[in-house]
Amino acid sequence: MRDAYEQLKIPGQRVHVRDASMLRRFGAFVTDVLLLDIVAFTAFTPLLPKLDARTVLAGASSLSDAAYAAIIVMALLGLAYFAFFEYLLGQTPGMMLFRITAENVTLWRAFVRNAYLLPLFPFPLLWIIEPLHLAFTKRRFLEVASNTRTIETITY
């Protein structure tokens, strides 16, 4: 019976690798930010001002030194979270949930591909450049700069 099955020449599983979709990337990022917020950022909440119209209109001049320090530490924690997970495991917990992985990642490249998390000029410009580049080329700008890829593997 087994010989008859082998004679059918049924192909095995097919694997297709492609750039991760925008929806999967977004879902993974939101999941990671929520996880970071729950685990790490809640400790900094008392140092940050409440966001109301007056605070937003006053801009950065109304922030205390403690708030500035908290924002910088939170950004560095976020950068470390993304960089070390991508370097050590090839994916963050959010990426695991959405079944996408980072490819060709070294420690330096992991920090470069996540530099948009830094709130110091010129990095906030990447908050605009990254989504636009992703929408038009299917790859983030910093992925191209760091020679890495975010991929999804489809098995059928």
N, C-alpha and C. Protein backbone atom coordinates (compact mmCIF):
# COMPACT_ATOMS: atom_id res chain seq x y z
N MET A 1 0.83 -1.19 0.00
CA MET A 1 0.00 0.00 0.00
C MET A 1 0.88 1.26 0.00
N ARG A 2 1.96 1.22 0.78
CA ARG A 2 2.84 2.38 0.86
C ARG A 2 3.50 2.65 -0.49
N ASP A 3 3.88 1.62 -1.20
CA ASP A 3 4.50 1.79 -2.51
C ASP A 3 3.55 2.47 -3.49
N ALA A 4 2.28 2.15 -3.40
CA ALA A 4 1.29 2.77 -4.29
C ALA A 4 1.19 4.27 -4.00
N TYR A 5 1.26 4.63 -2.72
CA TYR A 5 1.19 6.05 -2.34
C TYR A 5 2.41 6.81 -2.85
N GLU A 6 3.58 6.21 -2.73
CA GLU A 6 4.80 6.85 -3.19
C GLU A 6 4.83 7.00 -4.71
N GLN A 7 4.17 6.10 -5.41
CA GLN A 7 4.14 6.18 -6.86
C GLN A 7 3.27 7.34 -7.36
N LEU A 8 2.39 7.86 -6.52
CA LEU A 8 1.53 8.97 -6.93
C LEU A 8 2.33 10.26 -7.15
N LYS A 9 3.50 10.35 -6.59
CA LYS A 9 4.37 11.52 -6.73
C LYS A 9 3.68 12.81 -6.27
N ILE A 10 3.05 12.73 -5.12
CA ILE A 10 2.40 13.90 -4.54
C ILE A 10 3.49 14.80 -3.96
N PRO A 11 3.51 16.05 -4.36
CA PRO A 11 4.56 16.94 -3.85
C PRO A 11 4.37 17.23 -2.36
N GLY A 12 5.48 17.55 -1.72
CA GLY A 12 5.43 17.91 -0.30
C GLY A 12 4.88 19.32 -0.11
N GLN A 13 5.03 19.83 1.06
CA GLN A 13 4.54 21.17 1.34
C GLN A 13 5.33 22.19 0.52
N ARG A 14 4.62 23.21 0.09
CA ARG A 14 5.27 24.31 -0.61
C ARG A 14 5.44 25.46 0.35
N VAL A 15 6.56 26.11 0.27
CA VAL A 15 6.86 27.24 1.15
C VAL A 15 7.12 28.46 0.29
N HIS A 16 6.43 29.53 0.62
CA HIS A 16 6.60 30.80 -0.10
C HIS A 16 7.01 31.86 0.91
N VAL A 17 8.11 32.53 0.67
CA VAL A 17 8.60 33.59 1.55
C VAL A 17 8.41 34.93 0.85
N ARG A 18 7.81 35.90 1.55
CA ARG A 18 7.61 37.22 0.97
C ARG A 18 7.74 38.28 2.05
N ASP A 19 7.85 39.53 1.61
CA ASP A 19 7.89 40.63 2.57
C ASP A 19 6.59 40.62 3.37
N ALA A 20 6.70 40.86 4.66
CA ALA A 20 5.52 40.84 5.52
C ALA A 20 4.55 41.93 5.11
N SER A 21 3.27 41.63 5.21
CA SER A 21 2.24 42.59 4.82
C SER A 21 2.19 43.74 5.83
N MET A 22 1.67 44.85 5.37
CA MET A 22 1.56 46.04 6.21
C MET A 22 0.66 45.75 7.43
N LEU A 23 -0.40 44.97 7.23
CA LEU A 23 -1.33 44.66 8.31
C LEU A 23 -0.65 43.82 9.40
N ARG A 24 0.12 42.83 9.00
CA ARG A 24 0.83 42.01 9.99
C ARG A 24 1.88 42.83 10.74
N ARG A 25 2.59 43.68 10.03
CA ARG A 25 3.59 44.54 10.67
C ARG A 25 2.93 45.46 11.71
N PHE A 26 1.81 46.06 11.31
CA PHE A 26 1.10 46.98 12.20
C PHE A 26 0.59 46.24 13.43
N GLY A 27 0.00 45.07 13.22
CA GLY A 27 -0.49 44.28 14.35
C GLY A 27 0.61 43.89 15.31
N ALA A 28 1.75 43.48 14.77
CA ALA A 28 2.89 43.10 15.61
C ALA A 28 3.42 44.30 16.38
N PHE A 29 3.50 45.45 15.72
CA PHE A 29 4.00 46.65 16.38
C PHE A 29 3.08 47.09 17.52
N VAL A 30 1.79 47.10 17.27
CA VAL A 30 0.82 47.49 18.31
C VAL A 30 0.89 46.52 19.48
N THR A 31 1.00 45.24 19.20
CA THR A 31 1.12 44.23 20.26
C THR A 31 2.37 44.48 21.09
N ASP A 32 3.48 44.75 20.44
CA ASP A 32 4.73 45.00 21.17
C ASP A 32 4.66 46.27 22.00
N VAL A 33 4.06 47.32 21.46
CA VAL A 33 3.94 48.57 22.21
C VAL A 33 3.04 48.37 23.43
N LEU A 34 1.94 47.64 23.27
CA LEU A 34 1.07 47.37 24.42
C LEU A 34 1.80 46.55 25.48
N LEU A 35 2.57 45.57 25.04
CA LEU A 35 3.35 44.76 25.98
C LEU A 35 4.39 45.61 26.71
N LEU A 36 5.08 46.46 25.97
CA LEU A 36 6.06 47.38 26.57
C LEU A 36 5.38 48.31 27.57
N ASP A 37 4.22 48.80 27.21
CA ASP A 37 3.48 49.71 28.09
C ASP A 37 3.12 49.03 29.40
N ILE A 38 2.63 47.80 29.30
CA ILE A 38 2.22 47.07 30.50
C ILE A 38 3.41 46.70 31.37
N VAL A 39 4.48 46.22 30.75
CA VAL A 39 5.62 45.69 31.51
C VAL A 39 6.59 46.78 31.97
N ALA A 40 6.90 47.74 31.10
CA ALA A 40 7.98 48.67 31.42
C ALA A 40 7.53 50.11 31.63
N PHE A 41 6.61 50.59 30.81
CA PHE A 41 6.32 52.02 30.81
C PHE A 41 5.41 52.49 31.95
N THR A 42 4.66 51.60 32.57
CA THR A 42 3.76 52.03 33.64
C THR A 42 4.53 52.63 34.82
N ALA A 43 5.77 52.24 35.01
CA ALA A 43 6.58 52.79 36.10
C ALA A 43 6.87 54.28 35.88
N PHE A 44 6.83 54.74 34.63
CA PHE A 44 7.16 56.12 34.32
C PHE A 44 5.93 57.04 34.27
N THR A 45 4.75 56.48 34.38
CA THR A 45 3.52 57.25 34.26
C THR A 45 3.45 58.43 35.23
N PRO A 46 3.84 58.27 36.50
CA PRO A 46 3.76 59.43 37.42
C PRO A 46 4.67 60.60 37.02
N LEU A 47 5.71 60.34 36.24
CA LEU A 47 6.63 61.40 35.86
C LEU A 47 6.15 62.21 34.65
N LEU A 48 5.18 61.66 33.92
CA LEU A 48 4.70 62.32 32.71
C LEU A 48 3.47 63.16 33.01
N PRO A 49 3.35 64.33 32.35
CA PRO A 49 2.17 65.17 32.60
C PRO A 49 0.93 64.56 31.96
N LYS A 50 -0.22 64.91 32.52
CA LYS A 50 -1.48 64.48 31.92
C LYS A 50 -1.65 65.23 30.61
N LEU A 51 -2.08 64.54 29.57
CA LEU A 51 -2.28 65.18 28.28
C LEU A 51 -3.67 65.79 28.20
N ASP A 52 -3.70 67.09 28.25
CA ASP A 52 -4.94 67.82 27.99
C ASP A 52 -4.62 68.91 26.96
N ALA A 53 -5.62 69.65 26.55
CA ALA A 53 -5.41 70.64 25.48
C ALA A 53 -4.35 71.67 25.87
N ARG A 54 -4.34 72.10 27.12
CA ARG A 54 -3.40 73.12 27.57
C ARG A 54 -1.96 72.60 27.49
N THR A 55 -1.74 71.35 27.91
CA THR A 55 -0.40 70.76 27.87
C THR A 55 0.09 70.60 26.44
N VAL A 56 -0.79 70.14 25.57
CA VAL A 56 -0.41 69.93 24.17
C VAL A 56 -0.08 71.26 23.50
N LEU A 57 -0.88 72.28 23.74
CA LEU A 57 -0.66 73.59 23.13
C LEU A 57 0.61 74.26 23.67
N ALA A 58 0.93 74.00 24.93
CA ALA A 58 2.13 74.59 25.52
C ALA A 58 3.39 73.98 24.92
N GLY A 59 3.28 72.75 24.43
CA GLY A 59 4.41 72.10 23.77
C GLY A 59 5.45 71.61 24.75
N ALA A 60 6.64 71.40 24.25
CA ALA A 60 7.73 70.82 25.03
C ALA A 60 8.19 71.73 26.16
N SER A 61 7.93 73.02 26.07
CA SER A 61 8.40 73.94 27.11
C SER A 61 7.75 73.68 28.46
N SER A 62 6.60 73.00 28.46
CA SER A 62 5.91 72.76 29.72
C SER A 62 6.34 71.47 30.41
N LEU A 63 7.24 70.70 29.79
CA LEU A 63 7.69 69.45 30.38
C LEU A 63 8.78 69.69 31.42
N SER A 64 8.71 68.93 32.49
CA SER A 64 9.73 69.04 33.53
C SER A 64 10.96 68.23 33.13
N ASP A 65 12.04 68.44 33.85
CA ASP A 65 13.27 67.68 33.58
C ASP A 65 13.04 66.19 33.81
N ALA A 66 12.23 65.85 34.82
CA ALA A 66 11.92 64.45 35.10
C ALA A 66 11.15 63.82 33.94
N ALA A 67 10.25 64.60 33.33
CA ALA A 67 9.47 64.10 32.19
C ALA A 67 10.39 63.86 30.99
N TYR A 68 11.31 64.79 30.74
CA TYR A 68 12.29 64.59 29.66
C TYR A 68 13.11 63.33 29.89
N ALA A 69 13.60 63.16 31.11
CA ALA A 69 14.41 61.98 31.43
C ALA A 69 13.59 60.71 31.25
N ALA A 70 12.33 60.74 31.69
CA ALA A 70 11.47 59.56 31.56
C ALA A 70 11.24 59.22 30.09
N ILE A 71 11.04 60.22 29.25
CA ILE A 71 10.82 59.99 27.82
C ILE A 71 12.06 59.37 27.18
N ILE A 72 13.24 59.88 27.53
CA ILE A 72 14.49 59.34 26.97
C ILE A 72 14.70 57.90 27.43
N VAL A 73 14.48 57.62 28.72
CA VAL A 73 14.66 56.26 29.24
C VAL A 73 13.65 55.31 28.58
N MET A 74 12.41 55.75 28.42
CA MET A 74 11.39 54.92 27.78
C MET A 74 11.79 54.61 26.32
N ALA A 75 12.31 55.60 25.62
CA ALA A 75 12.73 55.40 24.23
C ALA A 75 13.89 54.40 24.17
N LEU A 76 14.85 54.52 25.08
CA LEU A 76 15.98 53.58 25.10
C LEU A 76 15.54 52.17 25.47
N LEU A 77 14.57 52.06 26.39
CA LEU A 77 14.01 50.74 26.71
C LEU A 77 13.31 50.14 25.50
N GLY A 78 12.55 50.95 24.79
CA GLY A 78 11.87 50.48 23.59
C GLY A 78 12.87 50.03 22.53
N LEU A 79 13.90 50.82 22.33
CA LEU A 79 14.94 50.47 21.36
C LEU A 79 15.62 49.16 21.75
N ALA A 80 15.95 49.02 23.03
CA ALA A 80 16.59 47.79 23.51
C ALA A 80 15.65 46.59 23.34
N TYR A 81 14.37 46.77 23.65
CA TYR A 81 13.37 45.69 23.52
C TYR A 81 13.35 45.18 22.08
N PHE A 82 13.15 46.08 21.12
CA PHE A 82 13.05 45.66 19.72
C PHE A 82 14.38 45.11 19.21
N ALA A 83 15.47 45.79 19.52
CA ALA A 83 16.78 45.38 18.99
C ALA A 83 17.21 44.02 19.54
N PHE A 84 17.09 43.82 20.84
CA PHE A 84 17.57 42.55 21.40
C PHE A 84 16.67 41.38 21.03
N PHE A 85 15.36 41.56 21.02
CA PHE A 85 14.49 40.47 20.58
C PHE A 85 14.78 40.09 19.13
N GLU A 86 14.92 41.09 18.26
CA GLU A 86 15.17 40.80 16.85
C GLU A 86 16.55 40.17 16.65
N TYR A 87 17.52 40.61 17.44
CA TYR A 87 18.87 40.05 17.31
C TYR A 87 18.93 38.62 17.87
N LEU A 88 18.39 38.41 19.06
CA LEU A 88 18.51 37.11 19.71
C LEU A 88 17.56 36.05 19.16
N LEU A 89 16.31 36.44 18.86
CA LEU A 89 15.30 35.47 18.43
C LEU A 89 14.86 35.64 16.98
N GLY A 90 15.24 36.75 16.37
CA GLY A 90 14.79 37.02 15.00
C GLY A 90 13.39 37.59 14.94
N GLN A 91 12.75 37.77 16.08
CA GLN A 91 11.40 38.33 16.13
C GLN A 91 11.05 38.74 17.56
N THR A 92 10.15 39.72 17.64
CA THR A 92 9.64 40.17 18.93
C THR A 92 8.42 39.33 19.27
N PRO A 93 7.91 39.41 20.51
CA PRO A 93 6.68 38.67 20.82
C PRO A 93 5.52 39.02 19.88
N GLY A 94 5.37 40.28 19.52
CA GLY A 94 4.32 40.67 18.59
C GLY A 94 4.53 40.05 17.21
N MET A 95 5.77 39.98 16.77
CA MET A 95 6.07 39.35 15.49
C MET A 95 5.79 37.85 15.55
N MET A 96 6.06 37.24 16.70
CA MET A 96 5.75 35.82 16.87
C MET A 96 4.25 35.58 16.73
N LEU A 97 3.47 36.44 17.36
CA LEU A 97 2.01 36.32 17.32
C LEU A 97 1.48 36.45 15.90
N PHE A 98 2.07 37.33 15.11
CA PHE A 98 1.62 37.57 13.75
C PHE A 98 2.43 36.79 12.71
N ARG A 99 3.29 35.88 13.18
CA ARG A 99 4.06 34.97 12.32
C ARG A 99 4.89 35.69 11.25
N ILE A 100 5.65 36.68 11.71
CA ILE A 100 6.61 37.34 10.82
C ILE A 100 7.98 37.32 11.52
N THR A 101 9.04 37.40 10.74
CA THR A 101 10.38 37.35 11.30
C THR A 101 11.28 38.39 10.64
N ALA A 102 12.31 38.76 11.37
CA ALA A 102 13.34 39.66 10.84
C ALA A 102 14.47 38.79 10.31
N GLU A 103 14.95 39.11 9.14
CA GLU A 103 15.95 38.30 8.46
C GLU A 103 17.23 39.10 8.29
N ASN A 104 18.38 38.42 8.41
CA ASN A 104 19.69 39.02 8.18
C ASN A 104 20.02 40.08 9.25
N VAL A 105 19.71 39.79 10.51
CA VAL A 105 19.86 40.76 11.59
C VAL A 105 21.11 40.46 12.42
N THR A 106 21.96 41.47 12.55
CA THR A 106 23.06 41.44 13.51
C THR A 106 22.68 42.44 14.61
N LEU A 107 23.47 42.52 15.65
CA LEU A 107 23.14 43.45 16.74
C LEU A 107 23.13 44.89 16.23
N TRP A 108 24.15 45.28 15.48
CA TRP A 108 24.22 46.65 14.96
C TRP A 108 23.03 46.93 14.04
N ARG A 109 22.72 46.00 13.14
CA ARG A 109 21.61 46.18 12.21
C ARG A 109 20.27 46.26 12.95
N ALA A 110 20.15 45.53 14.05
CA ALA A 110 18.92 45.58 14.85
C ALA A 110 18.73 46.98 15.44
N PHE A 111 19.81 47.59 15.91
CA PHE A 111 19.70 48.95 16.44
C PHE A 111 19.40 49.95 15.32
N VAL A 112 20.02 49.78 14.17
CA VAL A 112 19.77 50.69 13.04
C VAL A 112 18.33 50.60 12.57
N ARG A 113 17.80 49.37 12.41
CA ARG A 113 16.45 49.22 11.88
C ARG A 113 15.37 49.70 12.85
N ASN A 114 15.74 49.93 14.12
CA ASN A 114 14.78 50.43 15.11
C ASN A 114 15.11 51.84 15.61
N ALA A 115 15.96 52.55 14.91
CA ALA A 115 16.38 53.90 15.32
C ALA A 115 15.22 54.90 15.32
N TYR A 116 14.13 54.61 14.62
CA TYR A 116 12.98 55.52 14.60
C TYR A 116 12.36 55.70 15.98
N LEU A 117 12.71 54.84 16.93
CA LEU A 117 12.15 54.94 18.28
C LEU A 117 12.77 56.07 19.10
N LEU A 118 13.90 56.58 18.66
CA LEU A 118 14.58 57.64 19.41
C LEU A 118 13.85 58.97 19.21
N PRO A 119 13.52 59.67 20.29
CA PRO A 119 12.75 60.91 20.16
C PRO A 119 13.61 62.16 19.94
N LEU A 120 14.85 61.99 19.52
CA LEU A 120 15.75 63.12 19.31
C LEU A 120 15.87 63.40 17.82
N PHE A 121 15.91 64.68 17.45
CA PHE A 121 16.01 65.06 16.04
C PHE A 121 17.30 64.48 15.47
N PRO A 122 17.33 63.92 14.32
CA PRO A 122 16.36 63.88 13.23
C PRO A 122 15.49 62.62 13.19
N PHE A 123 15.60 61.76 14.21
CA PHE A 123 14.89 60.49 14.17
C PHE A 123 13.37 60.61 14.08
N PRO A 124 12.72 61.60 14.70
CA PRO A 124 11.26 61.72 14.52
C PRO A 124 10.83 61.92 13.06
N LEU A 125 11.72 62.38 12.20
CA LEU A 125 11.38 62.47 10.78
C LEU A 125 11.07 61.08 10.21
N LEU A 126 11.68 60.07 10.81
CA LEU A 126 11.44 58.70 10.35
C LEU A 126 10.02 58.25 10.65
N TRP A 127 9.33 58.91 11.60
CA TRP A 127 7.94 58.56 11.89
C TRP A 127 7.05 58.85 10.69
N ILE A 128 7.50 59.74 9.82
CA ILE A 128 6.77 60.06 8.58
C ILE A 128 7.35 59.25 7.42
N ILE A 129 8.67 59.18 7.34
CA ILE A 129 9.34 58.52 6.22
C ILE A 129 9.07 57.01 6.20
N GLU A 130 9.16 56.37 7.36
CA GLU A 130 9.01 54.91 7.43
C GLU A 130 7.68 54.41 6.86
N PRO A 131 6.52 54.93 7.32
CA PRO A 131 5.25 54.41 6.77
C PRO A 131 5.09 54.72 5.28
N LEU A 132 5.57 55.88 4.85
CA LEU A 132 5.45 56.22 3.43
C LEU A 132 6.31 55.28 2.58
N HIS A 133 7.52 55.05 3.01
CA HIS A 133 8.42 54.14 2.28
C HIS A 133 7.83 52.74 2.25
N LEU A 134 7.26 52.30 3.37
CA LEU A 134 6.65 50.98 3.44
C LEU A 134 5.45 50.87 2.49
N ALA A 135 4.64 51.92 2.44
CA ALA A 135 3.45 51.90 1.59
C ALA A 135 3.81 51.81 0.11
N PHE A 136 4.90 52.46 -0.29
CA PHE A 136 5.25 52.49 -1.71
C PHE A 136 6.19 51.37 -2.15
N THR A 137 7.04 50.88 -1.24
CA THR A 137 8.04 49.88 -1.66
C THR A 137 7.87 48.52 -0.97
N LYS A 138 6.95 48.41 -0.02
CA LYS A 138 6.71 47.17 0.75
C LYS A 138 7.85 46.84 1.71
N ARG A 139 8.79 47.77 1.87
CA ARG A 139 9.87 47.62 2.85
C ARG A 139 10.07 48.95 3.55
N ARG A 140 10.42 48.89 4.85
CA ARG A 140 10.69 50.11 5.59
C ARG A 140 12.01 50.71 5.14
N PHE A 141 12.13 52.02 5.27
CA PHE A 141 13.35 52.73 4.89
C PHE A 141 14.55 52.20 5.67
N LEU A 142 14.37 52.00 6.99
CA LEU A 142 15.48 51.54 7.81
C LEU A 142 15.82 50.06 7.57
N GLU A 143 14.89 49.31 7.02
CA GLU A 143 15.22 47.94 6.61
C GLU A 143 16.18 47.98 5.41
N VAL A 144 15.90 48.87 4.50
CA VAL A 144 16.79 49.02 3.34
C VAL A 144 18.16 49.52 3.80
N ALA A 145 18.16 50.51 4.70
CA ALA A 145 19.42 51.08 5.19
C ALA A 145 20.24 50.05 5.97
N SER A 146 19.57 49.17 6.70
CA SER A 146 20.29 48.17 7.50
C SER A 146 20.47 46.83 6.78
N ASN A 147 19.99 46.74 5.55
CA ASN A 147 20.09 45.51 4.75
C ASN A 147 19.44 44.33 5.47
N THR A 148 18.25 44.55 6.03
CA THR A 148 17.47 43.50 6.68
C THR A 148 16.11 43.43 6.01
N ARG A 149 15.34 42.40 6.36
CA ARG A 149 13.99 42.23 5.81
C ARG A 149 13.07 41.75 6.91
N THR A 150 11.81 42.10 6.80
CA THR A 150 10.77 41.52 7.65
C THR A 150 9.94 40.66 6.71
N ILE A 151 9.90 39.34 7.00
CA ILE A 151 9.27 38.41 6.08
C ILE A 151 8.17 37.62 6.77
N GLU A 152 7.28 37.09 5.95
CA GLU A 152 6.32 36.10 6.41
C GLU A 152 6.49 34.86 5.53
N THR A 153 6.37 33.71 6.13
CA THR A 153 6.52 32.45 5.41
C THR A 153 5.14 31.81 5.29
N ILE A 154 4.75 31.52 4.07
CA ILE A 154 3.45 30.91 3.81
C ILE A 154 3.69 29.47 3.39
N THR A 155 3.10 28.54 4.13
CA THR A 155 3.23 27.12 3.82
C THR A 155 1.88 26.61 3.35
N TYR A 156 1.86 25.96 2.19
CA TYR A 156 0.62 25.39 1.65
C TYR A 156 0.88 24.09 0.95
